[in-house]
Amino acid sequence: MSSENTSPVRGNSYVEIAYDHVRDLILSGELPPGSRVTVAPITDAIGLSPTPIRTALAALERQGLLVALEHRGYFVPKLSRDDILEIYEIREVIDSVASRRVAQLSSRDAIVTSLEELLDRQSHAVAAGDIPAYRDLDLAFHKTIWRSSGNHRLLALAENLLGQVRIGNNVSSRVPGRVQTSLIEHSAIIEAIRSGSAKDAEKATRKHVREASRSLAEYLSRRDGNSPD
């Protein structure tokens, strides 16, 4: 299983196995956007009955990693350049508010320690060329800040966006040099939170998300043969 388990189906091991299997296929690109996801090939691949697989597919749809089309089944969503940039625009708001709140917490030292551990693991994953592990750890880094913010409505919004964030991260990590730059930006976020400055924490986080968005926009424009805005 992935190093950062985001499965909403913990407690049912068969469903979780199916969930993790399909999720990894989507995030690795083995199931590219537009692919139809059916039960039979998954049954053959992992040796489970159809029932837990159907439950896992429904859970993946709730997370935004699949879309259900009436009378046609499940498909990996196709996110356009504009779709992904909209995701990052929303993330900028969510992440910056969360970082600002965490920087003001009296308990922030423990949170900083957790973030430093995640950053260290990210660095090792990048050095080893393990990009799937990096993606999971990147999400864990931001989820730690979301969950520590104390704003339950913000967390609900972030969790609702989670599936699309994962797809955005999957594309972003393909941008040459982006993962290395992201590590530097994560370090700046940690230092700003450690300092207790809400303003600096928000600024560092906004810079991180905006740089990711800008790099991604340029990459997608080159890939699709379009001029960047």
Protein backbone atom coordinates (compact mmCIF):
# COMPACT_ATOMS: atom_id res chain seq x y z
CA MET A 1 0.00 0.00 0.00
CA SER A 2 0.98 3.60 -0.43
CA SER A 3 2.93 5.38 2.26
CA GLU A 4 0.13 7.88 2.79
CA ASN A 5 -3.16 6.01 3.01
CA THR A 6 -5.99 8.27 1.95
CA SER A 7 -8.47 5.43 1.60
CA PRO A 8 -11.98 6.15 2.90
CA VAL A 9 -12.65 2.41 3.20
CA ARG A 10 -10.36 1.37 6.05
CA GLY A 11 -11.81 -1.48 8.07
CA ASN A 12 -12.61 -3.67 5.07
CA SER A 13 -9.33 -5.16 3.89
CA TYR A 14 -10.67 -6.50 0.58
CA VAL A 15 -12.22 -3.18 -0.38
CA GLU A 16 -9.04 -1.38 0.66
CA ILE A 17 -6.90 -3.69 -1.47
CA ALA A 18 -9.10 -2.98 -4.50
CA TYR A 19 -9.19 0.74 -3.71
CA ASP A 20 -5.40 1.01 -3.44
CA HIS A 21 -4.87 -1.05 -6.58
CA VAL A 22 -7.08 1.10 -8.80
CA ARG A 23 -5.94 4.34 -7.16
CA ASP A 24 -2.30 3.47 -7.86
CA LEU A 25 -3.13 2.68 -11.50
CA ILE A 26 -4.77 6.09 -11.88
CA LEU A 27 -2.07 8.09 -10.14
CA SER A 28 0.75 6.29 -11.93
CA GLY A 29 -0.83 7.06 -15.29
CA GLU A 30 -1.27 3.37 -16.16
CA LEU A 31 -4.96 4.21 -16.33
CA PRO A 32 -4.78 7.54 -18.19
CA PRO A 33 -7.57 10.14 -18.25
CA GLY A 34 -10.53 8.92 -20.27
CA SER A 35 -9.91 5.24 -19.49
CA ARG A 36 -12.93 3.11 -18.69
CA VAL A 37 -12.53 1.16 -15.44
CA THR A 38 -14.40 -2.14 -15.32
CA VAL A 39 -14.64 -4.83 -12.66
CA ALA A 40 -13.52 -7.93 -14.59
CA PRO A 41 -9.87 -6.91 -15.26
CA ILE A 42 -9.45 -5.87 -11.63
CA THR A 43 -10.87 -9.21 -10.49
CA ASP A 44 -8.34 -10.99 -12.69
CA ALA A 45 -5.46 -8.79 -11.51
CA ILE A 46 -5.95 -9.04 -7.74
CA GLY A 47 -8.10 -12.14 -7.35
CA LEU A 48 -11.03 -10.59 -5.51
CA SER A 49 -14.74 -11.02 -6.06
CA PRO A 50 -16.69 -8.23 -7.79
CA THR A 51 -18.43 -6.97 -4.63
CA PRO A 52 -15.46 -5.29 -2.85
CA ILE A 53 -14.23 -3.98 -6.21
CA ARG A 54 -17.55 -2.24 -6.91
CA THR A 55 -17.45 -0.74 -3.41
CA ALA A 56 -13.91 0.51 -4.03
CA LEU A 57 -14.88 2.08 -7.36
CA ALA A 58 -17.76 3.93 -5.69
CA ALA A 59 -15.34 5.22 -3.03
CA LEU A 60 -12.93 6.41 -5.72
CA GLU A 61 -15.77 8.25 -7.41
CA ARG A 62 -16.60 10.04 -4.15
CA GLN A 63 -12.97 11.18 -3.97
CA GLY A 64 -13.01 12.51 -7.52
CA LEU A 65 -10.58 9.94 -8.90
CA LEU A 66 -13.32 8.39 -11.04
CA VAL A 67 -16.48 9.69 -12.65
CA ALA A 68 -19.61 7.59 -13.15
CA LEU A 69 -21.44 8.00 -16.44
CA GLU A 70 -24.98 6.67 -16.54
CA HIS A 71 -25.30 3.36 -18.41
CA ARG A 72 -21.58 3.49 -19.26
CA GLY A 73 -19.74 2.85 -15.99
CA TYR A 74 -16.68 4.42 -14.38
CA PHE A 75 -14.02 6.48 -16.15
CA VAL A 76 -10.82 8.25 -15.14
CA PRO A 77 -11.71 11.95 -15.38
CA LYS A 78 -10.19 14.14 -18.06
CA LEU A 79 -9.00 17.34 -16.44
CA SER A 80 -8.18 20.15 -18.83
CA ARG A 81 -5.45 22.73 -18.27
CA ASP A 82 -8.12 25.14 -17.02
CA ASP A 83 -9.58 22.47 -14.70
CA ILE A 84 -6.22 21.88 -13.06
CA LEU A 85 -5.44 25.58 -12.75
CA GLU A 86 -8.82 26.09 -11.07
CA ILE A 87 -7.89 23.37 -8.59
CA TYR A 88 -4.67 25.21 -7.77
CA GLU A 89 -6.51 28.49 -7.42
CA ILE A 90 -8.76 26.93 -4.77
CA ARG A 91 -5.77 25.25 -3.15
CA GLU A 92 -4.00 28.58 -2.79
CA VAL A 93 -6.85 29.86 -0.64
CA ILE A 94 -7.25 26.68 1.41
CA ASP A 95 -3.55 26.08 2.00
CA SER A 96 -2.67 29.69 2.82
CA VAL A 97 -5.48 30.03 5.35
CA ALA A 98 -4.48 26.73 6.97
CA SER A 99 -0.80 27.72 7.20
CA ARG A 100 -1.68 31.10 8.69
CA ARG A 101 -3.79 29.45 11.39
CA VAL A 102 -1.16 26.81 12.20
CA ALA A 103 1.54 29.49 12.61
CA GLN A 104 -0.57 31.06 15.35
CA LEU A 105 -0.96 27.86 17.37
CA SER A 106 0.87 27.46 20.67
CA SER A 107 1.30 23.78 19.75
CA ARG A 108 2.98 24.54 16.42
CA ASP A 109 6.36 23.08 17.47
CA ALA A 110 4.93 19.54 17.39
CA ILE A 111 3.38 20.23 13.99
CA VAL A 112 6.69 21.59 12.70
CA THR A 113 8.39 18.37 13.83
CA SER A 114 5.87 16.30 11.88
CA LEU A 115 6.31 18.48 8.81
CA GLU A 116 10.12 18.20 9.03
CA GLU A 117 9.85 14.41 9.18
CA LEU A 118 7.62 14.39 6.10
CA LEU A 119 9.99 16.73 4.26
CA ASP A 120 12.93 14.48 5.10
CA ARG A 121 11.04 11.48 3.74
CA GLN A 122 10.13 13.46 0.62
CA SER A 123 13.79 14.33 0.06
CA HIS A 124 14.78 10.66 0.31
CA ALA A 125 11.99 9.66 -2.07
CA VAL A 126 13.11 12.22 -4.65
CA ALA A 127 16.75 11.16 -4.28
CA ALA A 128 15.69 7.55 -4.87
CA GLY A 129 13.59 8.50 -7.86
CA ASP A 130 10.46 7.21 -6.12
CA ILE A 131 7.99 9.76 -7.44
CA PRO A 132 4.84 7.85 -6.35
CA ALA A 133 6.12 7.95 -2.75
CA TYR A 134 6.95 11.64 -3.17
CA ARG A 135 3.37 12.34 -4.31
CA ASP A 136 1.91 10.57 -1.28
CA LEU A 137 4.26 12.40 1.08
CA ASP A 138 3.52 15.73 -0.60
CA LEU A 139 -0.16 15.22 0.06
CA ALA A 140 0.57 14.10 3.63
CA PHE A 141 2.54 17.33 4.16
CA HIS A 142 -0.37 19.52 3.13
CA LYS A 143 -2.97 17.37 4.90
CA THR A 144 -1.00 17.77 8.13
CA ILE A 145 -1.39 21.54 7.81
CA TRP A 146 -5.08 21.30 6.84
CA ARG A 147 -5.90 19.04 9.77
CA SER A 148 -3.88 21.06 12.25
CA SER A 149 -5.54 24.35 11.30
CA GLY A 150 -8.52 23.75 13.58
CA ASN A 151 -10.89 24.97 10.87
CA HIS A 152 -13.25 22.05 10.28
CA ARG A 153 -14.99 23.70 7.35
CA LEU A 154 -11.65 24.29 5.65
CA LEU A 155 -10.75 20.64 6.20
CA ALA A 156 -14.07 19.52 4.71
CA LEU A 157 -13.47 21.65 1.62
CA ALA A 158 -9.94 20.30 1.27
CA GLU A 159 -11.09 16.69 1.66
CA ASN A 160 -13.81 17.20 -0.96
CA LEU A 161 -11.16 18.46 -3.36
CA LEU A 162 -8.76 15.66 -2.49
CA GLY A 163 -9.26 13.42 -5.52
CA GLN A 164 -8.72 16.26 -7.97
CA VAL A 165 -5.73 17.46 -5.95
CA ARG A 166 -4.20 14.00 -6.39
CA ILE A 167 -4.62 14.14 -10.15
CA GLY A 168 -3.14 17.66 -10.19
CA ASN A 169 -0.18 16.46 -8.15
CA ASN A 170 0.27 13.55 -10.54
CA VAL A 171 0.68 15.98 -13.44
CA SER A 172 2.70 18.56 -11.48
CA SER A 173 5.33 16.01 -10.47
CA ARG A 174 6.09 15.42 -14.16
CA VAL A 175 7.23 19.02 -14.66
CA PRO A 176 11.04 18.95 -14.96
CA GLY A 177 12.69 20.25 -11.78
CA ARG A 178 9.38 20.88 -10.03
CA VAL A 179 9.76 18.30 -7.26
CA GLN A 180 13.18 19.67 -6.26
CA THR A 181 11.82 23.22 -6.15
CA SER A 182 8.83 22.03 -4.16
CA LEU A 183 11.14 20.68 -1.45
CA ILE A 184 12.73 24.12 -1.07
CA GLU A 185 9.30 25.74 -0.89
CA HIS A 186 8.12 23.24 1.72
CA SER A 187 11.17 24.08 3.82
CA ALA A 188 10.25 27.78 3.61
CA ILE A 189 6.70 27.01 4.76
CA ILE A 190 8.04 25.08 7.74
CA GLU A 191 10.37 27.92 8.75
CA ALA A 192 7.56 30.46 8.47
CA ILE A 193 5.28 28.34 10.66
CA ARG A 194 8.10 27.80 13.15
CA SER A 195 8.59 31.58 13.42
CA GLY A 196 4.99 32.06 14.49
CA SER A 197 4.39 34.68 11.81
CA ALA A 198 0.94 34.16 10.27
CA LYS A 199 1.83 36.66 7.53
CA ASP A 200 5.04 34.84 6.58
CA ALA A 201 3.35 31.43 6.66
CA GLU A 202 0.59 32.63 4.35
CA LYS A 203 3.11 34.30 2.02
CA ALA A 204 5.33 31.20 1.77
CA THR A 205 2.33 28.98 1.10
CA ARG A 206 0.86 31.26 -1.56
CA LYS A 207 4.24 31.38 -3.29
CA HIS A 208 4.46 27.58 -3.24
CA VAL A 209 1.03 27.02 -4.77
CA ARG A 210 1.39 29.85 -7.30
CA GLU A 211 4.77 28.56 -8.47
CA ALA A 212 3.34 25.07 -8.85
CA SER A 213 0.42 26.49 -10.81
CA ARG A 214 2.66 28.62 -13.04
CA SER A 215 5.04 25.75 -13.80
CA LEU A 216 2.14 23.44 -14.49
CA ALA A 217 0.46 25.93 -16.84
CA GLU A 218 3.66 26.30 -18.84
CA TYR A 219 4.18 22.54 -18.97
CA LEU A 220 0.61 21.84 -20.12
CA SER A 221 0.79 24.58 -22.73
CA ARG A 222 3.99 23.11 -24.17
CA ARG A 223 2.57 19.59 -24.04
CA ASP A 224 -0.67 20.57 -25.77
CA GLY A 225 0.99 22.93 -28.23
CA ASN A 226 -0.75 26.05 -26.91
CA SER A 227 0.64 29.44 -25.97
CA PRO A 228 0.60 30.12 -22.21
CA ASP A 229 -1.72 32.86 -21.02
